[in-house]
């Protein structure tokens, strides 16, 4: 294991499997994420506008780098169906060096691909 401060995992949720698939595909296409894992449906309990709510959601775990995080967040929020999306960023203390290098290479902007 190697200390990999560049690796980030962003977590968000959406309301349908289709939206999860669309968002994941777009983030990969734009090279903002190396990998997006989708879990769901999950059940979320929360308070919204003063009322207890319960809904099915799909959770996206998005692997990227610190260098791409600002663009990743902007793109995810621009395409997000919620007015206030969950956006949690985890910075792993340790990750395998080989995996961190793969993530870094996968999200490196390609001058031949327009976003």
N, C-alpha and C. Protein backbone atom coordinates (compact mmCIF):
# COMPACT_ATOMS: atom_id res chain seq x y z
N UNK A 1 0.84 -1.18 0.00
CA UNK A 1 0.00 0.00 0.00
C UNK A 1 0.89 1.24 0.00
N UNK A 2 0.41 2.23 -0.68
CA UNK A 2 1.17 3.47 -0.82
C UNK A 2 0.27 4.65 -0.53
N UNK A 3 0.84 5.66 0.08
CA UNK A 3 0.07 6.86 0.35
C UNK A 3 -0.26 7.53 -0.98
N UNK A 4 -1.56 7.74 -1.26
CA UNK A 4 -1.99 8.29 -2.54
C UNK A 4 -2.92 9.47 -2.34
N UNK A 5 -2.37 10.63 -2.02
CA UNK A 5 -3.23 11.78 -1.75
C UNK A 5 -3.99 12.27 -2.98
N UNK A 6 -3.56 11.88 -4.17
CA UNK A 6 -4.22 12.34 -5.40
C UNK A 6 -5.53 11.63 -5.67
N UNK A 7 -5.70 10.41 -5.18
CA UNK A 7 -6.89 9.62 -5.44
C UNK A 7 -8.06 10.16 -4.62
N UNK A 8 -9.22 10.36 -5.28
CA UNK A 8 -10.43 10.77 -4.58
C UNK A 8 -11.58 9.86 -5.00
N UNK A 9 -12.53 9.71 -4.09
CA UNK A 9 -13.76 8.98 -4.37
C UNK A 9 -14.90 9.92 -4.04
N UNK A 10 -15.67 10.30 -5.05
CA UNK A 10 -16.83 11.16 -4.85
C UNK A 10 -18.08 10.29 -4.83
N UNK A 11 -18.99 10.60 -3.93
CA UNK A 11 -20.21 9.81 -3.80
C UNK A 11 -21.42 10.72 -3.98
N UNK A 12 -22.34 10.27 -4.82
CA UNK A 12 -23.60 10.97 -5.01
C UNK A 12 -24.69 9.94 -5.21
N UNK A 13 -25.94 10.38 -5.18
CA UNK A 13 -27.08 9.50 -5.42
C UNK A 13 -28.02 10.16 -6.42
N UNK A 14 -28.73 9.33 -7.18
CA UNK A 14 -29.75 9.81 -8.11
C UNK A 14 -31.00 8.96 -7.96
N UNK A 15 -32.07 9.40 -8.61
CA UNK A 15 -33.38 8.80 -8.39
C UNK A 15 -33.73 7.60 -9.26
N UNK A 16 -32.98 7.33 -10.32
CA UNK A 16 -33.29 6.18 -11.17
C UNK A 16 -32.01 5.51 -11.66
N UNK A 17 -32.13 4.24 -12.01
CA UNK A 17 -31.00 3.51 -12.56
C UNK A 17 -30.56 4.14 -13.88
N UNK A 18 -31.51 4.59 -14.68
CA UNK A 18 -31.19 5.20 -15.97
C UNK A 18 -30.35 6.46 -15.79
N UNK A 19 -30.73 7.30 -14.83
CA UNK A 19 -29.95 8.52 -14.59
C UNK A 19 -28.55 8.18 -14.08
N UNK A 20 -28.46 7.16 -13.26
CA UNK A 20 -27.15 6.73 -12.76
C UNK A 20 -26.26 6.29 -13.92
N UNK A 21 -26.82 5.49 -14.83
CA UNK A 21 -26.07 5.01 -15.99
C UNK A 21 -25.64 6.18 -16.89
N UNK A 22 -26.56 7.12 -17.12
CA UNK A 22 -26.25 8.28 -17.97
C UNK A 22 -25.15 9.14 -17.37
N UNK A 23 -25.26 9.41 -16.07
CA UNK A 23 -24.26 10.24 -15.41
C UNK A 23 -22.90 9.55 -15.41
N UNK A 24 -22.88 8.26 -15.09
CA UNK A 24 -21.62 7.51 -15.09
C UNK A 24 -20.98 7.53 -16.47
N UNK A 25 -21.76 7.26 -17.50
CA UNK A 25 -21.22 7.23 -18.87
C UNK A 25 -20.65 8.59 -19.27
N UNK A 26 -21.33 9.65 -18.91
CA UNK A 26 -20.85 10.99 -19.28
C UNK A 26 -19.55 11.34 -18.55
N UNK A 27 -19.44 10.99 -17.29
CA UNK A 27 -18.22 11.29 -16.54
C UNK A 27 -17.03 10.49 -17.08
N UNK A 28 -17.28 9.26 -17.50
CA UNK A 28 -16.22 8.44 -18.11
C UNK A 28 -15.86 9.02 -19.49
N UNK A 29 -16.87 9.34 -20.28
CA UNK A 29 -16.63 9.89 -21.62
C UNK A 29 -15.76 11.14 -21.57
N UNK A 30 -16.01 11.98 -20.57
CA UNK A 30 -15.27 13.24 -20.44
C UNK A 30 -13.94 13.07 -19.71
N UNK A 31 -13.61 11.83 -19.36
CA UNK A 31 -12.36 11.52 -18.66
C UNK A 31 -12.24 12.24 -17.32
N UNK A 32 -13.38 12.43 -16.67
CA UNK A 32 -13.39 13.03 -15.34
C UNK A 32 -13.38 11.95 -14.26
N UNK A 33 -13.71 10.73 -14.65
CA UNK A 33 -13.70 9.59 -13.74
C UNK A 33 -13.02 8.41 -14.44
N UNK A 34 -12.28 7.65 -13.65
CA UNK A 34 -11.65 6.44 -14.18
C UNK A 34 -12.61 5.26 -14.06
N UNK A 35 -13.46 5.31 -13.06
CA UNK A 35 -14.38 4.22 -12.76
C UNK A 35 -15.56 4.79 -11.99
N UNK A 36 -16.76 4.34 -12.33
CA UNK A 36 -17.95 4.71 -11.56
C UNK A 36 -18.68 3.42 -11.25
N UNK A 37 -18.86 3.17 -9.97
CA UNK A 37 -19.62 1.99 -9.54
C UNK A 37 -21.00 2.45 -9.12
N UNK A 38 -22.01 1.68 -9.52
CA UNK A 38 -23.40 2.02 -9.20
C UNK A 38 -23.98 0.93 -8.31
N UNK A 39 -24.50 1.33 -7.17
CA UNK A 39 -25.18 0.44 -6.24
C UNK A 39 -26.65 0.83 -6.21
N UNK A 40 -27.52 -0.16 -6.20
CA UNK A 40 -28.91 0.20 -6.03
C UNK A 40 -29.85 -0.87 -6.53
N UNK A 41 -31.07 -0.70 -6.23
CA UNK A 41 -31.56 0.44 -5.46
C UNK A 41 -31.20 0.32 -3.98
N UNK A 42 -30.98 1.47 -3.38
CA UNK A 42 -30.80 1.59 -1.94
C UNK A 42 -31.97 2.39 -1.42
N UNK A 43 -32.25 2.28 -0.14
CA UNK A 43 -33.32 3.05 0.46
C UNK A 43 -32.70 4.17 1.27
N UNK A 44 -33.10 5.40 0.98
CA UNK A 44 -32.60 6.56 1.70
C UNK A 44 -33.72 7.15 2.56
N UNK A 45 -33.39 7.43 3.81
CA UNK A 45 -34.29 8.11 4.74
C UNK A 45 -33.65 9.46 5.03
N UNK A 46 -34.42 10.54 4.93
CA UNK A 46 -33.85 11.88 5.10
C UNK A 46 -34.96 12.88 5.41
N UNK A 47 -34.56 14.06 5.83
CA UNK A 47 -35.50 15.16 6.05
C UNK A 47 -35.32 16.14 4.91
N UNK A 48 -36.40 16.48 4.22
CA UNK A 48 -36.36 17.44 3.12
C UNK A 48 -37.51 18.42 3.32
N UNK A 49 -37.16 19.70 3.38
CA UNK A 49 -38.14 20.78 3.57
C UNK A 49 -39.02 20.50 4.78
N UNK A 50 -38.36 20.05 5.88
CA UNK A 50 -39.04 19.85 7.15
C UNK A 50 -39.86 18.58 7.28
N UNK A 51 -39.80 17.72 6.30
CA UNK A 51 -40.62 16.51 6.29
C UNK A 51 -39.74 15.27 6.14
N UNK A 52 -40.05 14.23 6.94
CA UNK A 52 -39.32 12.97 6.82
C UNK A 52 -39.70 12.30 5.50
N UNK A 53 -38.67 11.87 4.77
CA UNK A 53 -38.87 11.26 3.45
C UNK A 53 -38.19 9.90 3.40
N UNK A 54 -38.63 9.08 2.48
CA UNK A 54 -38.02 7.78 2.21
C UNK A 54 -38.13 7.56 0.71
N UNK A 55 -37.00 7.19 0.08
CA UNK A 55 -37.05 6.97 -1.37
C UNK A 55 -35.98 5.99 -1.80
N UNK A 56 -36.21 5.39 -2.96
CA UNK A 56 -35.22 4.53 -3.59
C UNK A 56 -34.25 5.42 -4.35
N UNK A 57 -32.97 5.10 -4.25
CA UNK A 57 -31.94 5.85 -4.96
C UNK A 57 -30.87 4.88 -5.45
N UNK A 58 -30.04 5.38 -6.34
CA UNK A 58 -28.88 4.65 -6.84
C UNK A 58 -27.65 5.46 -6.48
N UNK A 59 -26.68 4.79 -5.84
CA UNK A 59 -25.47 5.46 -5.35
C UNK A 59 -24.34 5.27 -6.35
N UNK A 60 -23.69 6.36 -6.68
CA UNK A 60 -22.53 6.33 -7.57
C UNK A 60 -21.28 6.60 -6.75
N UNK A 61 -20.29 5.71 -6.86
CA UNK A 61 -18.97 5.90 -6.26
C UNK A 61 -18.03 6.18 -7.42
N UNK A 62 -17.53 7.41 -7.45
CA UNK A 62 -16.80 7.91 -8.61
C UNK A 62 -15.32 8.05 -8.26
N UNK A 63 -14.46 7.31 -8.97
CA UNK A 63 -13.01 7.37 -8.71
C UNK A 63 -12.36 8.34 -9.67
N UNK A 64 -11.60 9.28 -9.08
CA UNK A 64 -10.92 10.29 -9.89
C UNK A 64 -9.68 10.76 -9.12
N UNK A 65 -9.19 11.93 -9.51
CA UNK A 65 -8.02 12.51 -8.84
C UNK A 65 -8.34 13.91 -8.34
N UNK A 66 -7.55 14.35 -7.40
CA UNK A 66 -7.69 15.70 -6.86
C UNK A 66 -7.60 16.74 -7.97
N UNK A 67 -6.71 16.51 -8.94
CA UNK A 67 -6.52 17.46 -10.03
C UNK A 67 -7.78 17.61 -10.89
N UNK A 68 -8.60 16.58 -10.99
CA UNK A 68 -9.81 16.62 -11.83
C UNK A 68 -11.08 16.88 -11.03
N UNK A 69 -10.94 17.01 -9.70
CA UNK A 69 -12.11 17.09 -8.82
C UNK A 69 -13.02 18.28 -9.11
N UNK A 70 -12.47 19.45 -9.32
CA UNK A 70 -13.30 20.63 -9.57
C UNK A 70 -14.14 20.45 -10.83
N UNK A 71 -13.52 19.98 -11.91
CA UNK A 71 -14.26 19.74 -13.16
C UNK A 71 -15.27 18.61 -13.00
N UNK A 72 -14.90 17.58 -12.24
CA UNK A 72 -15.81 16.47 -11.98
C UNK A 72 -17.05 16.95 -11.23
N UNK A 73 -16.84 17.73 -10.19
CA UNK A 73 -17.97 18.23 -9.41
C UNK A 73 -18.88 19.12 -10.26
N UNK A 74 -18.29 19.99 -11.03
CA UNK A 74 -19.08 20.87 -11.89
C UNK A 74 -19.93 20.06 -12.88
N UNK A 75 -19.32 19.08 -13.53
CA UNK A 75 -20.03 18.26 -14.51
C UNK A 75 -21.14 17.45 -13.84
N UNK A 76 -20.84 16.86 -12.70
CA UNK A 76 -21.84 16.05 -12.00
C UNK A 76 -23.02 16.92 -11.56
N UNK A 77 -22.75 18.09 -11.04
CA UNK A 77 -23.83 18.97 -10.60
C UNK A 77 -24.63 19.52 -11.78
N UNK A 78 -23.97 19.83 -12.87
CA UNK A 78 -24.67 20.34 -14.05
C UNK A 78 -25.68 19.33 -14.59
N UNK A 79 -25.38 18.05 -14.47
CA UNK A 79 -26.25 17.01 -15.03
C UNK A 79 -27.12 16.34 -13.97
N UNK A 80 -27.00 16.77 -12.73
CA UNK A 80 -27.69 16.09 -11.63
C UNK A 80 -29.17 16.45 -11.60
N UNK A 81 -30.04 15.46 -11.35
CA UNK A 81 -31.48 15.74 -11.32
C UNK A 81 -31.96 16.44 -10.05
N UNK A 82 -31.15 16.46 -9.00
CA UNK A 82 -31.57 17.06 -7.73
C UNK A 82 -31.13 18.51 -7.63
N UNK A 83 -31.95 19.33 -6.98
CA UNK A 83 -31.56 20.73 -6.76
C UNK A 83 -30.44 20.83 -5.73
N UNK A 84 -30.37 19.87 -4.82
CA UNK A 84 -29.30 19.82 -3.82
C UNK A 84 -28.75 18.39 -3.78
N UNK A 85 -27.83 18.07 -4.68
CA UNK A 85 -27.31 16.70 -4.73
C UNK A 85 -26.37 16.41 -3.57
N UNK A 86 -26.42 15.17 -3.13
CA UNK A 86 -25.40 14.70 -2.19
C UNK A 86 -24.07 14.73 -2.93
N UNK A 87 -23.05 15.28 -2.30
CA UNK A 87 -21.71 15.27 -2.88
C UNK A 87 -20.73 15.14 -1.73
N UNK A 88 -20.19 13.95 -1.58
CA UNK A 88 -19.24 13.67 -0.52
C UNK A 88 -17.95 13.19 -1.18
N UNK A 89 -16.84 13.78 -0.78
CA UNK A 89 -15.55 13.39 -1.35
C UNK A 89 -14.71 12.74 -0.27
N UNK A 90 -14.23 11.55 -0.57
CA UNK A 90 -13.36 10.80 0.33
C UNK A 90 -11.96 10.81 -0.26
N UNK A 91 -10.99 11.10 0.58
CA UNK A 91 -9.59 11.08 0.16
C UNK A 91 -8.90 9.93 0.90
N UNK A 92 -8.75 8.79 0.23
CA UNK A 92 -8.17 7.63 0.90
C UNK A 92 -6.76 7.91 1.40
N UNK A 93 -6.48 7.46 2.61
CA UNK A 93 -5.14 7.60 3.16
C UNK A 93 -4.18 6.66 2.45
N UNK A 94 -4.68 5.51 2.05
CA UNK A 94 -3.86 4.52 1.37
C UNK A 94 -4.64 3.89 0.22
N UNK A 95 -3.92 3.61 -0.83
CA UNK A 95 -4.47 2.87 -1.98
C UNK A 95 -3.28 2.22 -2.65
N UNK A 96 -3.53 1.17 -3.39
CA UNK A 96 -2.39 0.55 -4.06
C UNK A 96 -1.82 1.54 -5.08
N UNK A 97 -0.52 1.57 -5.16
CA UNK A 97 0.15 2.49 -6.08
C UNK A 97 -0.27 2.22 -7.52
N UNK A 98 -0.41 0.95 -7.87
CA UNK A 98 -0.79 0.60 -9.25
C UNK A 98 -2.20 1.10 -9.57
N UNK A 99 -3.12 0.96 -8.64
CA UNK A 99 -4.49 1.43 -8.87
C UNK A 99 -4.52 2.96 -8.98
N UNK A 100 -3.84 3.63 -8.08
CA UNK A 100 -3.79 5.10 -8.12
C UNK A 100 -3.20 5.59 -9.44
N UNK A 101 -2.18 4.92 -9.93
CA UNK A 101 -1.57 5.29 -11.22
C UNK A 101 -2.55 5.07 -12.36
N UNK A 102 -3.29 3.95 -12.33
CA UNK A 102 -4.30 3.69 -13.36
C UNK A 102 -5.37 4.78 -13.36
N UNK A 103 -5.85 5.17 -12.18
CA UNK A 103 -6.85 6.23 -12.09
C UNK A 103 -6.29 7.51 -12.69
N UNK A 104 -5.08 7.86 -12.29
CA UNK A 104 -4.46 9.09 -12.79
C UNK A 104 -4.34 9.08 -14.32
N UNK A 105 -3.93 7.96 -14.88
CA UNK A 105 -3.80 7.87 -16.34
C UNK A 105 -5.17 7.93 -17.03
N UNK A 106 -6.17 7.31 -16.43
CA UNK A 106 -7.49 7.25 -17.04
C UNK A 106 -8.19 8.60 -17.09
N UNK A 107 -7.87 9.48 -16.14
CA UNK A 107 -8.54 10.80 -16.13
C UNK A 107 -7.67 11.91 -16.68
N UNK A 108 -6.49 11.54 -17.14
CA UNK A 108 -5.60 12.57 -17.73
C UNK A 108 -6.29 13.10 -18.97
N UNK A 109 -6.45 14.41 -19.06
CA UNK A 109 -7.12 14.98 -20.25
C UNK A 109 -6.41 14.60 -21.54
N UNK A 110 -7.19 14.22 -22.51
CA UNK A 110 -6.65 13.86 -23.82
C UNK A 110 -6.91 15.03 -24.76
N UNK A 111 -5.84 15.65 -25.27
CA UNK A 111 -6.04 16.83 -26.13
C UNK A 111 -6.85 16.51 -27.38
N UNK A 112 -6.95 15.25 -27.75
CA UNK A 112 -7.71 14.88 -28.94
C UNK A 112 -9.19 14.66 -28.70
N UNK A 113 -9.60 14.68 -27.42
CA UNK A 113 -11.01 14.44 -27.08
C UNK A 113 -11.58 15.72 -26.47
N UNK A 114 -12.63 16.24 -27.07
CA UNK A 114 -13.24 17.44 -26.49
C UNK A 114 -14.29 17.02 -25.46
N UNK A 115 -14.38 17.81 -24.37
CA UNK A 115 -15.30 17.46 -23.28
C UNK A 115 -16.75 17.55 -23.60
